[in-house]
PDB file of N, CA and C in Angstrom:
ATOM      1  N   MET A   1     -58.118 125.950 326.086  1.00  0.00           N
ATOM      2  CA  MET A   1     -58.899 124.764 325.870  1.00  0.00           C
ATOM      3  C   MET A   1     -59.052 124.987 324.434  1.00  0.00           C
ATOM      4  N   ALA A   2     -59.368 126.289 323.711  1.00  0.00           N
ATOM      5  CA  ALA A   2     -59.799 126.254 322.505  1.00  0.00           C
ATOM      6  C   ALA A   2     -58.545 125.917 321.377  1.00  0.00           C
ATOM      7  N   LYS A   3     -57.385 126.012 322.103  1.00  0.00           N
ATOM      8  CA  LYS A   3     -55.976 125.357 321.694  1.00  0.00           C
ATOM      9  C   LYS A   3     -55.929 124.093 321.071  1.00  0.00           C
ATOM     10  N   ASN A   4     -56.434 123.183 322.227  1.00  0.00           N
ATOM     11  CA  ASN A   4     -56.674 121.789 322.092  1.00  0.00           C
ATOM     12  C   ASN A   4     -57.673 121.532 320.903  1.00  0.00           C
ATOM     13  N   GLU A   5     -58.495 122.115 321.101  1.00  0.00           N
ATOM     14  CA  GLU A   5     -59.593 121.996 319.792  1.00  0.00           C
ATOM     15  C   GLU A   5     -59.018 122.381 318.403  1.00  0.00           C
ATOM     16  N   ASN A   6     -58.285 123.278 318.236  1.00  0.00           N
ATOM     17  CA  ASN A   6     -57.633 123.586 317.026  1.00  0.00           C
ATOM     18  C   ASN A   6     -56.474 122.795 316.626  1.00  0.00           C
ATOM     19  N   GLU A   7     -55.933 122.140 317.658  1.00  0.00           N
ATOM     20  CA  GLU A   7     -54.713 121.230 317.456  1.00  0.00           C
ATOM     21  C   GLU A   7     -55.499 119.753 316.860  1.00  0.00           C
ATOM     22  N   THR A   8     -56.139 119.570 317.331  1.00  0.00           N
ATOM     23  CA  THR A   8     -57.139 118.074 316.872  1.00  0.00           C
ATOM     24  C   THR A   8     -57.652 118.210 315.683  1.00  0.00           C
ATOM     25  N   GLU A   9     -58.157 119.423 315.275  1.00  0.00           N
ATOM     26  CA  GLU A   9     -58.609 119.599 313.725  1.00  0.00           C
ATOM     27  C   GLU A   9     -57.298 119.729 312.899  1.00  0.00           C
ATOM     28  N   GLU A  10     -56.366 120.429 313.313  1.00  0.00           N
ATOM     29  CA  GLU A  10     -55.299 120.359 312.194  1.00  0.00           C
ATOM     30  C   GLU A  10     -54.744 118.979 312.085  1.00  0.00           C
ATOM     31  N   GLU A  11     -54.704 117.886 312.969  1.00  0.00           N
ATOM     32  CA  GLU A  11     -54.383 116.639 313.103  1.00  0.00           C
ATOM     33  C   GLU A  11     -55.046 115.707 312.258  1.00  0.00           C
ATOM     34  N   LYS A  12     -56.661 116.036 311.798  1.00  0.00           N
ATOM     35  CA  LYS A  12     -57.289 115.274 311.279  1.00  0.00           C
ATOM     36  C   LYS A  12     -56.940 115.423 309.714  1.00  0.00           C
ATOM     37  N   PRO A  13     -56.678 116.176 309.059  1.00  0.00           N
ATOM     38  CA  PRO A  13     -56.248 116.183 307.379  1.00  0.00           C
ATOM     39  C   PRO A  13     -54.903 115.411 307.583  1.00  0.00           C
ATOM     40  N   ARG A  14     -54.001 115.581 308.247  1.00  0.00           N
ATOM     41  CA  ARG A  14     -52.744 114.608 308.369  1.00  0.00           C
ATOM     42  C   ARG A  14     -52.879 113.077 308.676  1.00  0.00           C
ATOM     43  N   ILE A  15     -54.060 112.807 309.269  1.00  0.00           N
ATOM     44  CA  ILE A  15     -54.044 111.430 309.736  1.00  0.00           C
ATOM     45  C   ILE A  15     -54.831 110.725 308.634  1.00  0.00           C
ATOM     46  N   LYS A  16     -55.650 111.316 307.932  1.00  0.00           N
ATOM     47  CA  LYS A  16     -56.567 110.903 306.708  1.00  0.00           C
ATOM     48  C   LYS A  16     -55.923 110.200 305.458  1.00  0.00           C
ATOM     49  N   PRO A  17     -55.076 111.141 304.960  1.00  0.00           N
ATOM     50  CA  PRO A  17     -54.366 110.653 303.843  1.00  0.00           C
ATOM     51  C   PRO A  17     -53.338 109.102 304.372  1.00  0.00           C
ATOM     52  N   ILE A  18     -53.172 109.013 305.728  1.00  0.00           N
ATOM     53  CA  ILE A  18     -52.292 107.977 305.999  1.00  0.00           C
ATOM     54  C   ILE A  18     -52.916 106.791 306.256  1.00  0.00           C
ATOM     55  N   ILE A  19     -54.538 106.674 306.476  1.00  0.00           N
ATOM     56  CA  ILE A  19     -55.559 105.853 306.590  1.00  0.00           C
ATOM     57  C   ILE A  19     -55.669 105.365 305.032  1.00  0.00           C
ATOM     58  N   GLU A  20     -56.092 106.188 304.308  1.00  0.00           N
ATOM     59  CA  GLU A  20     -56.206 105.749 302.779  1.00  0.00           C
ATOM     60  C   GLU A  20     -55.355 104.835 302.491  1.00  0.00           C
ATOM     61  N   ALA A  21     -54.024 105.371 302.352  1.00  0.00           N
ATOM     62  CA  ALA A  21     -52.612 104.600 302.280  1.00  0.00           C
ATOM     63  C   ALA A  21     -52.734 103.276 302.694  1.00  0.00           C
ATOM     64  N   ALA A  22     -53.143 103.493 304.147  1.00  0.00           N
ATOM     65  CA  ALA A  22     -52.886 102.023 304.245  1.00  0.00           C
ATOM     66  C   ALA A  22     -54.106 101.047 304.116  1.00  0.00           C
ATOM     67  N   ASP A  23     -55.149 101.760 303.788  1.00  0.00           N
ATOM     68  CA  ASP A  23     -56.133 101.020 303.270  1.00  0.00           C
ATOM     69  C   ASP A  23     -56.069 100.263 302.140  1.00  0.00           C
ATOM     70  N   SER A  24     -55.208 101.090 301.023  1.00  0.00           N
ATOM     71  CA  SER A  24     -54.916 100.521 299.867  1.00  0.00           C
ATOM     72  C   SER A  24     -53.635  99.752 299.875  1.00  0.00           C
ATOM     73  N   LEU A  25     -52.892  99.549 300.959  1.00  0.00           N
ATOM     74  CA  LEU A  25     -51.768  98.661 301.315  1.00  0.00           C
ATOM     75  C   LEU A  25     -52.168  97.131 301.735  1.00  0.00           C
ATOM     76  N   SER A  26     -53.621  97.445 302.535  1.00  0.00           N
ATOM     77  CA  SER A  26     -53.756  96.173 303.101  1.00  0.00           C
ATOM     78  C   SER A  26     -54.357  95.581 302.173  1.00  0.00           C
ATOM     79  N   LEU A  27     -54.879  95.792 301.037  1.00  0.00           N
ATOM     80  CA  LEU A  27     -54.964  94.997 300.092  1.00  0.00           C
ATOM     81  C   LEU A  27     -54.282  93.811 299.356  1.00  0.00           C
ATOM     82  N   GLY A  28     -52.973  94.448 299.022  1.00  0.00           N
ATOM     83  CA  GLY A  28     -51.895  93.738 298.618  1.00  0.00           C
ATOM     84  C   GLY A  28     -51.446  92.588 299.789  1.00  0.00           C
ATOM     85  N   ILE A  29     -51.195  93.448 301.210  1.00  0.00           N
ATOM     86  CA  ILE A  29     -50.983  92.407 302.196  1.00  0.00           C
ATOM     87  C   ILE A  29     -52.185  91.503 302.218  1.00  0.00           C
ATOM     88  N   SER A  30     -53.328  91.592 302.316  1.00  0.00           N
ATOM     89  CA  SER A  30     -54.291  90.573 302.360  1.00  0.00           C
ATOM     90  C   SER A  30     -54.222  89.470 301.546  1.00  0.00           C
ATOM     91  N   MET A  31     -53.821  89.969 300.207  1.00  0.00           N
ATOM     92  CA  MET A  31     -53.717  88.986 299.281  1.00  0.00           C
ATOM     93  C   MET A  31     -52.327  88.173 299.432  1.00  0.00           C
ATOM     94  N   VAL A  32     -51.249  88.532 299.913  1.00  0.00           N
ATOM     95  CA  VAL A  32     -50.018  88.151 300.136  1.00  0.00           C
ATOM     96  C   VAL A  32     -50.579  86.716 301.196  1.00  0.00           C
ATOM     97  N   VAL A  33     -51.316  87.531 302.740  1.00  0.00           N
ATOM     98  CA  VAL A  33     -51.121  86.294 303.479  1.00  0.00           C
ATOM     99  C   VAL A  33     -52.431  85.188 303.083  1.00  0.00           C
ATOM    100  N   ALA A  34     -53.268  85.707 302.226  1.00  0.00           N
ATOM    101  CA  ALA A  34     -54.420  84.952 301.726  1.00  0.00           C
ATOM    102  C   ALA A  34     -53.604  83.487 301.121  1.00  0.00           C
ATOM    103  N   VAL A  35     -53.003  83.771 299.832  1.00  0.00           N
ATOM    104  CA  VAL A  35     -52.324  83.045 299.656  1.00  0.00           C
ATOM    105  C   VAL A  35     -51.256  82.131 300.311  1.00  0.00           C
ATOM    106  N   ALA A  36     -50.598  82.842 301.164  1.00  0.00           N
ATOM    107  CA  ALA A  36     -49.646  82.083 302.179  1.00  0.00           C
ATOM    108  C   ALA A  36     -50.604  80.947 303.162  1.00  0.00           C
ATOM    109  N   MET A  37     -51.499  81.548 303.660  1.00  0.00           N
ATOM    110  CA  MET A  37     -52.693  80.831 304.387  1.00  0.00           C
ATOM    111  C   MET A  37     -53.104  79.814 303.833  1.00  0.00           C
ATOM    112  N   GLY A  38     -53.480  79.955 302.307  1.00  0.00           N
ATOM    113  CA  GLY A  38     -53.593  78.621 301.612  1.00  0.00           C
ATOM    114  C   GLY A  38     -52.573  77.218 301.534  1.00  0.00           C
ATOM    115  N   VAL A  39     -51.373  77.979 301.374  1.00  0.00           N
ATOM    116  CA  VAL A  39     -50.053  77.267 301.028  1.00  0.00           C
ATOM    117  C   VAL A  39     -49.884  76.406 302.151  1.00  0.00           C
ATOM    118  N   GLY A  40     -49.950  76.902 303.577  1.00  0.00           N
ATOM    119  CA  GLY A  40     -50.019  76.798 305.000  1.00  0.00           C
ATOM    120  C   GLY A  40     -51.098  75.543 304.846  1.00  0.00           C
ATOM    121  N   ILE A  41     -52.190  75.702 304.884  1.00  0.00           N
ATOM    122  CA  ILE A  41     -53.417  74.759 304.759  1.00  0.00           C
ATOM    123  C   ILE A  41     -53.050  73.636 303.934  1.00  0.00           C
ATOM    124  N   GLY A  42     -52.903  74.003 302.596  1.00  0.00           N
ATOM    125  CA  GLY A  42     -52.538  72.724 301.755  1.00  0.00           C
ATOM    126  C   GLY A  42     -51.445  71.707 302.265  1.00  0.00           C
ATOM    127  N   TYR A  43     -50.348  72.516 302.970  1.00  0.00           N
ATOM    128  CA  TYR A  43     -49.299  71.865 303.394  1.00  0.00           C
ATOM    129  C   TYR A  43     -49.631  70.995 304.736  1.00  0.00           C
ATOM    130  N   LEU A  44     -50.339  71.446 305.574  1.00  0.00           N
ATOM    131  CA  LEU A  44     -50.948  70.885 306.385  1.00  0.00           C
ATOM    132  C   LEU A  44     -51.607  69.624 306.002  1.00  0.00           C
ATOM    133  N   LEU A  45     -52.967  69.821 305.159  1.00  0.00           N
ATOM    134  CA  LEU A  45     -53.408  68.822 304.628  1.00  0.00           C
ATOM    135  C   LEU A  45     -52.823  67.615 304.235  1.00  0.00           C
ATOM    136  N   ARG A  46     -51.473  68.002 303.597  1.00  0.00           N
ATOM    137  CA  ARG A  46     -50.748  67.109 302.660  1.00  0.00           C
ATOM    138  C   ARG A  46     -50.112  66.251 303.759  1.00  0.00           C
ATOM    139  N   SER A  47     -49.435  66.845 304.661  1.00  0.00           N
ATOM    140  CA  SER A  47     -48.829  66.217 305.760  1.00  0.00           C
ATOM    141  C   SER A  47     -49.572  65.312 306.949  1.00  0.00           C
ATOM    142  N   LEU A  48     -51.004  65.532 306.944  1.00  0.00           N
ATOM    143  CA  LEU A  48     -51.816  64.823 307.730  1.00  0.00           C
ATOM    144  C   LEU A  48     -52.425  63.495 306.910  1.00  0.00           C
ATOM    145  N   THR A  49     -52.255  63.677 305.667  1.00  0.00           N
ATOM    146  CA  THR A  49     -52.986  62.489 304.838  1.00  0.00           C
ATOM    147  C   THR A  49     -52.478  61.737 304.246  1.00  0.00           C
ATOM    148  N   ASP A  50     -51.039  62.637 303.800  1.00  0.00           N
ATOM    149  CA  ASP A  50     -50.099  61.720 302.737  1.00  0.00           C
ATOM    150  C   ASP A  50     -50.602  61.897 301.449  1.00  0.00           C
ATOM    151  N   ILE A  51     -51.717  62.742 301.154  1.00  0.00           N
ATOM    152  CA  ILE A  51     -52.165  62.956 299.897  1.00  0.00           C
ATOM    153  C   ILE A  51     -52.001  64.073 298.901  1.00  0.00           C
ATOM    154  N   GLY A  52     -51.005  63.743 297.947  1.00  0.00           N
ATOM    155  CA  GLY A  52     -50.065  65.328 297.253  1.00  0.00           C
ATOM    156  C   GLY A  52     -50.703  66.061 296.859  1.00  0.00           C
ATOM    157  N   TRP A  53     -52.133  65.836 295.979  1.00  0.00           N
ATOM    158  CA  TRP A  53     -53.065  66.721 295.516  1.00  0.00           C
ATOM    159  C   TRP A  53     -53.379  67.715 296.335  1.00  0.00           C
ATOM    160  N   LEU A  54     -53.601  67.347 298.029  1.00  0.00           N
ATOM    161  CA  LEU A  54     -54.050  68.494 298.807  1.00  0.00           C
ATOM    162  C   LEU A  54     -53.543  69.612 299.035  1.00  0.00           C
ATOM    163  N   PHE A  55     -52.311  69.425 298.655  1.00  0.00           N
ATOM    164  CA  PHE A  55     -51.373  70.555 298.679  1.00  0.00           C
ATOM    165  C   PHE A  55     -51.772  71.887 298.036  1.00  0.00           C
ATOM    166  N   TRP A  56     -52.347  71.366 296.738  1.00  0.00           N
ATOM    167  CA  TRP A  56     -52.504  72.323 295.800  1.00  0.00           C
ATOM    168  C   TRP A  56     -54.313  72.522 295.556  1.00  0.00           C
ATOM    169  N   VAL A  57     -54.853  71.939 296.358  1.00  0.00           N
ATOM    170  CA  VAL A  57     -56.393  72.395 296.905  1.00  0.00           C
ATOM    171  C   VAL A  57     -56.214  73.694 297.796  1.00  0.00           C
ATOM    172  N   GLY A  58     -55.190  73.485 298.942  1.00  0.00           N
ATOM    173  CA  GLY A  58     -54.880  74.781 299.297  1.00  0.00           C
ATOM    174  C   GLY A  58     -54.468  75.746 298.747  1.00  0.00           C
ATOM    175  N   VAL A  59     -53.610  75.785 297.974  1.00  0.00           N
ATOM    176  CA  VAL A  59     -52.993  76.651 297.170  1.00  0.00           C
ATOM    177  C   VAL A  59     -54.196  77.180 296.362  1.00  0.00           C
ATOM    178  N   PHE A  60     -54.926  76.479 295.855  1.00  0.00           N
ATOM    179  CA  PHE A  60     -56.262  77.202 295.323  1.00  0.00           C
ATOM    180  C   PHE A  60     -57.222  77.716 296.095  1.00  0.00           C
ATOM    181  N   ILE A  61     -57.391  77.342 297.430  1.00  0.00           N
ATOM    182  CA  ILE A  61     -58.304  78.092 298.196  1.00  0.00           C
ATOM    183  C   ILE A  61     -57.841  79.463 298.761  1.00  0.00           C
ATOM    184  N   GLY A  62     -56.405  79.565 298.926  1.00  0.00           N
ATOM    185  CA  GLY A  62     -55.794  80.665 299.033  1.00  0.00           C
ATOM    186  C   GLY A  62     -55.894  81.800 297.924  1.00  0.00           C
ATOM    187  N   ILE A  63     -55.557  81.153 296.709  1.00  0.00           N
ATOM    188  CA  ILE A  63     -55.736  82.115 295.348  1.00  0.00           C
ATOM    189  C   ILE A  63     -57.185  82.626 295.594  1.00  0.00           C
ATOM    190  N   ALA A  64     -58.181  81.667 295.704  1.00  0.00           N
ATOM    191  CA  ALA A  64     -59.742  82.208 295.792  1.00  0.00           C
ATOM    192  C   ALA A  64     -59.976  83.282 297.043  1.00  0.00           C
ATOM    193  N   ALA A  65     -59.456  82.811 297.850  1.00  0.00           N
ATOM    194  CA  ALA A  65     -59.619  84.321 298.892  1.00  0.00           C
ATOM    195  C   ALA A  65     -58.965  85.458 298.525  1.00  0.00           C
ATOM    196  N   ALA A  66     -57.792  85.278 298.216  1.00  0.00           N
ATOM    197  CA  ALA A  66     -57.137  86.893 297.222  1.00  0.00           C
ATOM    198  C   ALA A  66     -57.985  87.138 296.570  1.00  0.00           C
ATOM    199  N   VAL A  67     -58.618  86.529 295.610  1.00  0.00           N
ATOM    200  CA  VAL A  67     -59.082  87.161 294.493  1.00  0.00           C
ATOM    201  C   VAL A  67     -60.734  87.916 295.215  1.00  0.00           C
ATOM    202  N   LEU A  68     -61.186  87.271 295.989  1.00  0.00           N
ATOM    203  CA  LEU A  68     -62.660  87.524 296.852  1.00  0.00           C
ATOM    204  C   LEU A  68     -61.959  88.776 297.753  1.00  0.00           C
ATOM    205  N   ASN A  69     -61.035  89.079 297.733  1.00  0.00           N
ATOM    206  CA  ASN A  69     -60.264  90.246 298.805  1.00  0.00           C
ATOM    207  C   ASN A  69     -60.322  91.325 297.828  1.00  0.00           C
ATOM    208  N   VAL A  70     -59.976  90.808 296.551  1.00  0.00           N
ATOM    209  CA  VAL A  70     -59.712  92.010 295.612  1.00  0.00           C
ATOM    210  C   VAL A  70     -60.886  92.369 295.165  1.00  0.00           C
ATOM    211  N   TYR A  71     -61.967  91.587 294.817  1.00  0.00           N
ATOM    212  CA  TYR A  71     -63.249  91.632 294.348  1.00  0.00           C
ATOM    213  C   TYR A  71     -64.302  92.453 295.735  1.00  0.00           C
ATOM    214  N   LYS A  72     -63.987  92.028 297.062  1.00  0.00           N
ATOM    215  CA  LYS A  72     -64.512  93.191 297.935  1.00  0.00           C
ATOM    216  C   LYS A  72     -63.935  94.427 297.882  1.00  0.00           C
ATOM    217  N   ALA A  73     -62.861  94.406 297.848  1.00  0.00           N
ATOM    218  CA  ALA A  73     -61.958  96.096 297.888  1.00  0.00           C
ATOM    219  C   ALA A  73     -62.702  96.855 296.424  1.00  0.00           C
ATOM    220  N   TYR A  74     -62.794  96.149 295.455  1.00  0.00           N
ATOM    221  CA  TYR A  74     -63.243  96.845 294.215  1.00  0.00           C
ATOM    222  C   TYR A  74     -64.769  97.242 294.452  1.00  0.00           C
ATOM    223  N   SER A  75     -65.510  96.350 295.253  1.00  0.00           N
ATOM    224  CA  SER A  75     -67.158  96.869 295.405  1.00  0.00           C
ATOM    225  C   SER A  75     -67.154  97.761 296.258  1.00  0.00           C
ATOM    226  N   LYS A  76     -66.129  97.948 296.737  1.00  0.00           N
ATOM    227  CA  LYS A  76     -66.258  99.007 298.025  1.00  0.00           C
ATOM    228  C   LYS A  76     -65.887 100.372 297.446  1.00  0.00           C
ATOM    229  N   GLN A  77     -64.788 100.509 296.293  1.00  0.00           N
ATOM    230  CA  GLN A  77     -64.451 101.408 295.895  1.00  0.00           C
ATOM    231  C   GLN A  77     -65.359 102.135 294.597  1.00  0.00           C
ATOM    232  N   TYR A  78     -66.128 101.120 294.175  1.00  0.00           N
ATOM    233  CA  TYR A  78     -67.490 101.489 293.091  1.00  0.00           C
ATOM    234  C   TYR A  78     -68.749 102.009 293.730  1.00  0.00           C
ATOM    235  N   LYS A  79     -68.706 101.387 295.401  1.00  0.00           N
ATOM    236  CA  LYS A  79     -69.868 102.239 296.198  1.00  0.00           C
ATOM    237  C   LYS A  79     -69.582 103.693 296.107  1.00  0.00           C
ATOM    238  N   ASP A  80     -68.255 103.980 296.870  1.00  0.00           N
ATOM    239  CA  ASP A  80     -67.494 105.150 297.081  1.00  0.00           C
ATOM    240  C   ASP A  80     -67.700 106.350 295.605  1.00  0.00           C
ATOM    241  N   TYR A  81     -67.587 105.573 294.737  1.00  0.00           N
ATOM    242  CA  TYR A  81     -67.791 106.489 293.300  1.00  0.00           C
ATOM    243  C   TYR A  81     -68.816 106.667 293.186  1.00  0.00           C
ATOM    244  N   GLU A  82     -69.765 105.813 293.107  1.00  0.00           N
ATOM    245  CA  GLU A  82     -71.302 105.947 293.294  1.00  0.00           C
ATOM    246  C   GLU A  82     -71.768 107.170 293.529  1.00  0.00           C
ATOM    247  N   GLU A  83     -71.557 106.897 295.162  1.00  0.00           N
ATOM    248  CA  GLU A  83     -71.855 108.464 295.958  1.00  0.00           C
ATOM    249  C   GLU A  83     -71.017 109.459 295.583  1.00  0.00           C
ATOM    250  N   LEU A  84     -70.000 109.418 294.995  1.00  0.00           N
ATOM    251  CA  LEU A  84     -69.181 110.518 294.732  1.00  0.00           C
ATOM    252  C   LEU A  84     -69.722 111.289 293.524  1.00  0.00           C
ATOM    253  N   ALA A  85     -70.412 110.303 292.707  1.00  0.00           N
ATOM    254  CA  ALA A  85     -71.120 110.676 291.214  1.00  0.00           C
ATOM    255  C   ALA A  85     -72.399 111.249 291.598  1.00  0.00           C
ATOM    256  N   LYS A  86     -73.152 111.258 292.777  1.00  0.00           N
ATOM    257  CA  LYS A  86     -74.579 111.628 293.199  1.00  0.00           C
ATOM    258  C   LYS A  86     -74.275 113.030 293.395  1.00  0.00           C
ATOM    259  N   GLN A  87     -72.974 113.373 293.650  1.00  0.00           N
ATOM    260  CA  GLN A  87     -72.937 114.710 294.212  1.00  0.00           C
ATOM    261  C   GLN A  87     -72.950 115.599 293.146  1.00  0.00           C
ATOM    262  N   PRO A  88     -73.635 116.947 293.301  1.00  0.00           N
ATOM    263  CA  PRO A  88     -73.688 117.729 291.855  1.00  0.00           C
ATOM    264  C   PRO A  88     -72.419 118.462 291.421  1.00  0.00           C
ATOM    265  N   ARG A  89     -71.290 118.568 292.162  1.00  0.00           N
ATOM    266  CA  ARG A  89     -70.226 118.990 292.044  1.00  0.00           C
ATOM    267  C   ARG A  89     -69.439 118.113 290.793  1.00  0.00           C
ATOM    268  N   TYR A  90     -69.902 117.119 291.138  1.00  0.00           N
ATOM    269  CA  TYR A  90     -69.031 116.014 290.115  1.00  0.00           C
ATOM    270  C   TYR A  90     -70.010 115.279 289.116  1.00  0.00           C
ATOM    271  N   ALA A  91     -71.133 115.670 289.124  1.00  0.00           N
ATOM    272  CA  ALA A  91     -72.248 114.972 288.170  1.00  0.00           C
ATOM    273  C   ALA A  91     -72.134 115.254 286.679  1.00  0.00           C
ATOM    274  N   VAL A  92     -71.983 113.998 285.822  1.00  0.00           N
ATOM    275  CA  VAL A  92     -71.487 114.543 284.634  1.00  0.00           C
ATOM    276  C   VAL A  92     -72.978 114.813 283.715  1.00  0.00           C
ATOM    277  N   LYS A  93     -72.915 115.697 282.796  1.00  0.00           N
ATOM    278  CA  LYS A  93     -73.835 116.089 282.260  1.00  0.00           C
ATOM    279  C   LYS A  93     -74.442 115.056 281.279  1.00  0.00           C
ATOM    280  N   LYS A  94     -75.524 114.821 281.068  1.00  0.00           N
ATOM    281  CA  LYS A  94     -76.028 113.636 279.990  1.00  0.00           C
ATOM    282  C   LYS A  94     -76.168 114.416 278.817  1.00  0.00           C
ATOM    283  N   LYS A  95     -76.557 115.557 278.762  1.00  0.00           N
ATOM    284  CA  LYS A  95     -76.939 116.058 277.659  1.00  0.00           C
ATOM    285  C   LYS A  95     -75.821 117.216 277.177  1.00  0.00           C
ATOM    286  N   LEU A  96     -75.506 117.391 276.021  1.00  0.00           N
ATOM    287  CA  LEU A  96     -74.775 118.384 275.640  1.00  0.00           C
ATOM    288  C   LEU A  96     -75.877 119.886 275.361  1.00  0.00           C
ATOM    289  N   GLU A  97     -75.155 120.974 275.838  1.00  0.00           N
ATOM    290  CA  GLU A  97     -76.156 122.500 275.030  1.00  0.00           C
ATOM    291  C   GLU A  97     -76.195 122.289 273.895  1.00  0.00           C
ATOM    292  N   GLU A  98     -77.020 122.911 273.617  1.00  0.00           N
ATOM    293  CA  GLU A  98     -77.636 123.132 271.722  1.00  0.00           C
ATOM    294  C   GLU A  98     -76.116 123.923 271.452  1.00  0.00           C
ATOM    295  N   ASP A  99     -75.639 124.879 271.906  1.00  0.00           N
ATOM    296  CA  ASP A  99     -74.662 125.913 271.491  1.00  0.00           C
ATOM    297  C   ASP A  99     -73.310 124.775 271.199  1.00  0.00           C
ATOM    298  N   ASP A 100     -73.277 123.918 271.681  1.00  0.00           N
ATOM    299  CA  ASP A 100     -71.940 123.135 271.487  1.00  0.00           C
ATOM    300  C   ASP A 100     -71.851 122.450 270.156  1.00  0.00           C
ATOM    301  N   ASP A 101     -72.977 122.063 269.651  1.00  0.00           N
ATOM    302  CA  ASP A 101     -73.314 121.279 268.355  1.00  0.00           C
ATOM    303  C   ASP A 101     -72.888 122.089 267.135  1.00  0.00           C
ATOM    304  N   GLU A 102     -72.321 123.175 267.183  1.00  0.00           N
ATOM    305  CA  GLU A 102     -72.389 124.293 265.974  1.00  0.00           C
ATOM    306  C   GLU A 102     -71.575 123.476 264.863  1.00  0.00           C
ATOM    307  N   ASP A 103     -71.771 123.983 263.705  1.00  0.00           N
ATOM    308  CA  ASP A 103     -70.872 123.399 262.646  1.00  0.00           C
ATOM    309  C   ASP A 103     -69.685 123.992 262.327  1.00  0.00           C
ATOM    310  N   TYR A 104     -68.582 123.683 262.531  1.00  0.00           N
ATOM    311  CA  TYR A 104     -67.181 124.084 262.693  1.00  0.00           C
ATOM    312  C   TYR A 104     -66.389 123.929 261.535  1.00  0.00           C
ATOM    313  N   GLY A 105     -67.223 124.016 260.275  1.00  0.00           N
ATOM    314  CA  GLY A 105     -66.707 123.987 259.002  1.00  0.00           C
ATOM    315  C   GLY A 105     -65.450 125.040 258.627  1.00  0.00           C
ATOM    316  N   GLU A 106     -66.094 126.172 257.740  1.00  0.00           N
ATOM    317  CA  GLU A 106     -65.160 127.213 257.472  1.00  0.00           C
ATOM    318  C   GLU A 106     -65.135 128.399 258.680  1.00  0.00           C
ATOM    319  N   LYS A 107     -63.777 128.580 258.845  1.00  0.00           N
ATOM    320  CA  LYS A 107     -63.237 129.600 259.967  1.00  0.00           C
ATOM    321  C   LYS A 107     -62.999 131.033 259.457  1.00  0.00           C
ATOM    322  N   SER A 108     -63.580 132.034 259.892  1.00  0.00           N
ATOM    323  CA  SER A 108     -63.390 133.400 259.182  1.00  0.00           C
ATOM    324  C   SER A 108     -62.817 134.108 260.492  1.00  0.00           C
ATOM    325  N   TYR A 109     -61.130 134.351 260.221  1.00  0.00           N
ATOM    326  CA  TYR A 109     -60.552 134.976 261.501  1.00  0.00           C
ATOM    327  C   TYR A 109     -60.657 136.577 261.061  1.00  0.00           C
TER     328      TYR A 109
END
């Protein structure tokens, strides 16, 4: 039984990078799908109404959806970055120590 627990623990680190890569890949795929759906909606509107400029309305809706997907992904990554910056290990010091402000004029070796 302990062997099964060790096997599942070993699988977790292998799966995590795959999930992170798929999440990044999904952004590109979602952009393409959003634009393709917008083109499809525009084509459908043009076919139903015989108004040519409705095709471009659909294209712009698809592009807007793709931009919204990028914005959502950026917001998510920025929130993760802020959480990471709060950890003491990665915190940036706001002030330099006094010894770092020494005058480096003449060097005596």
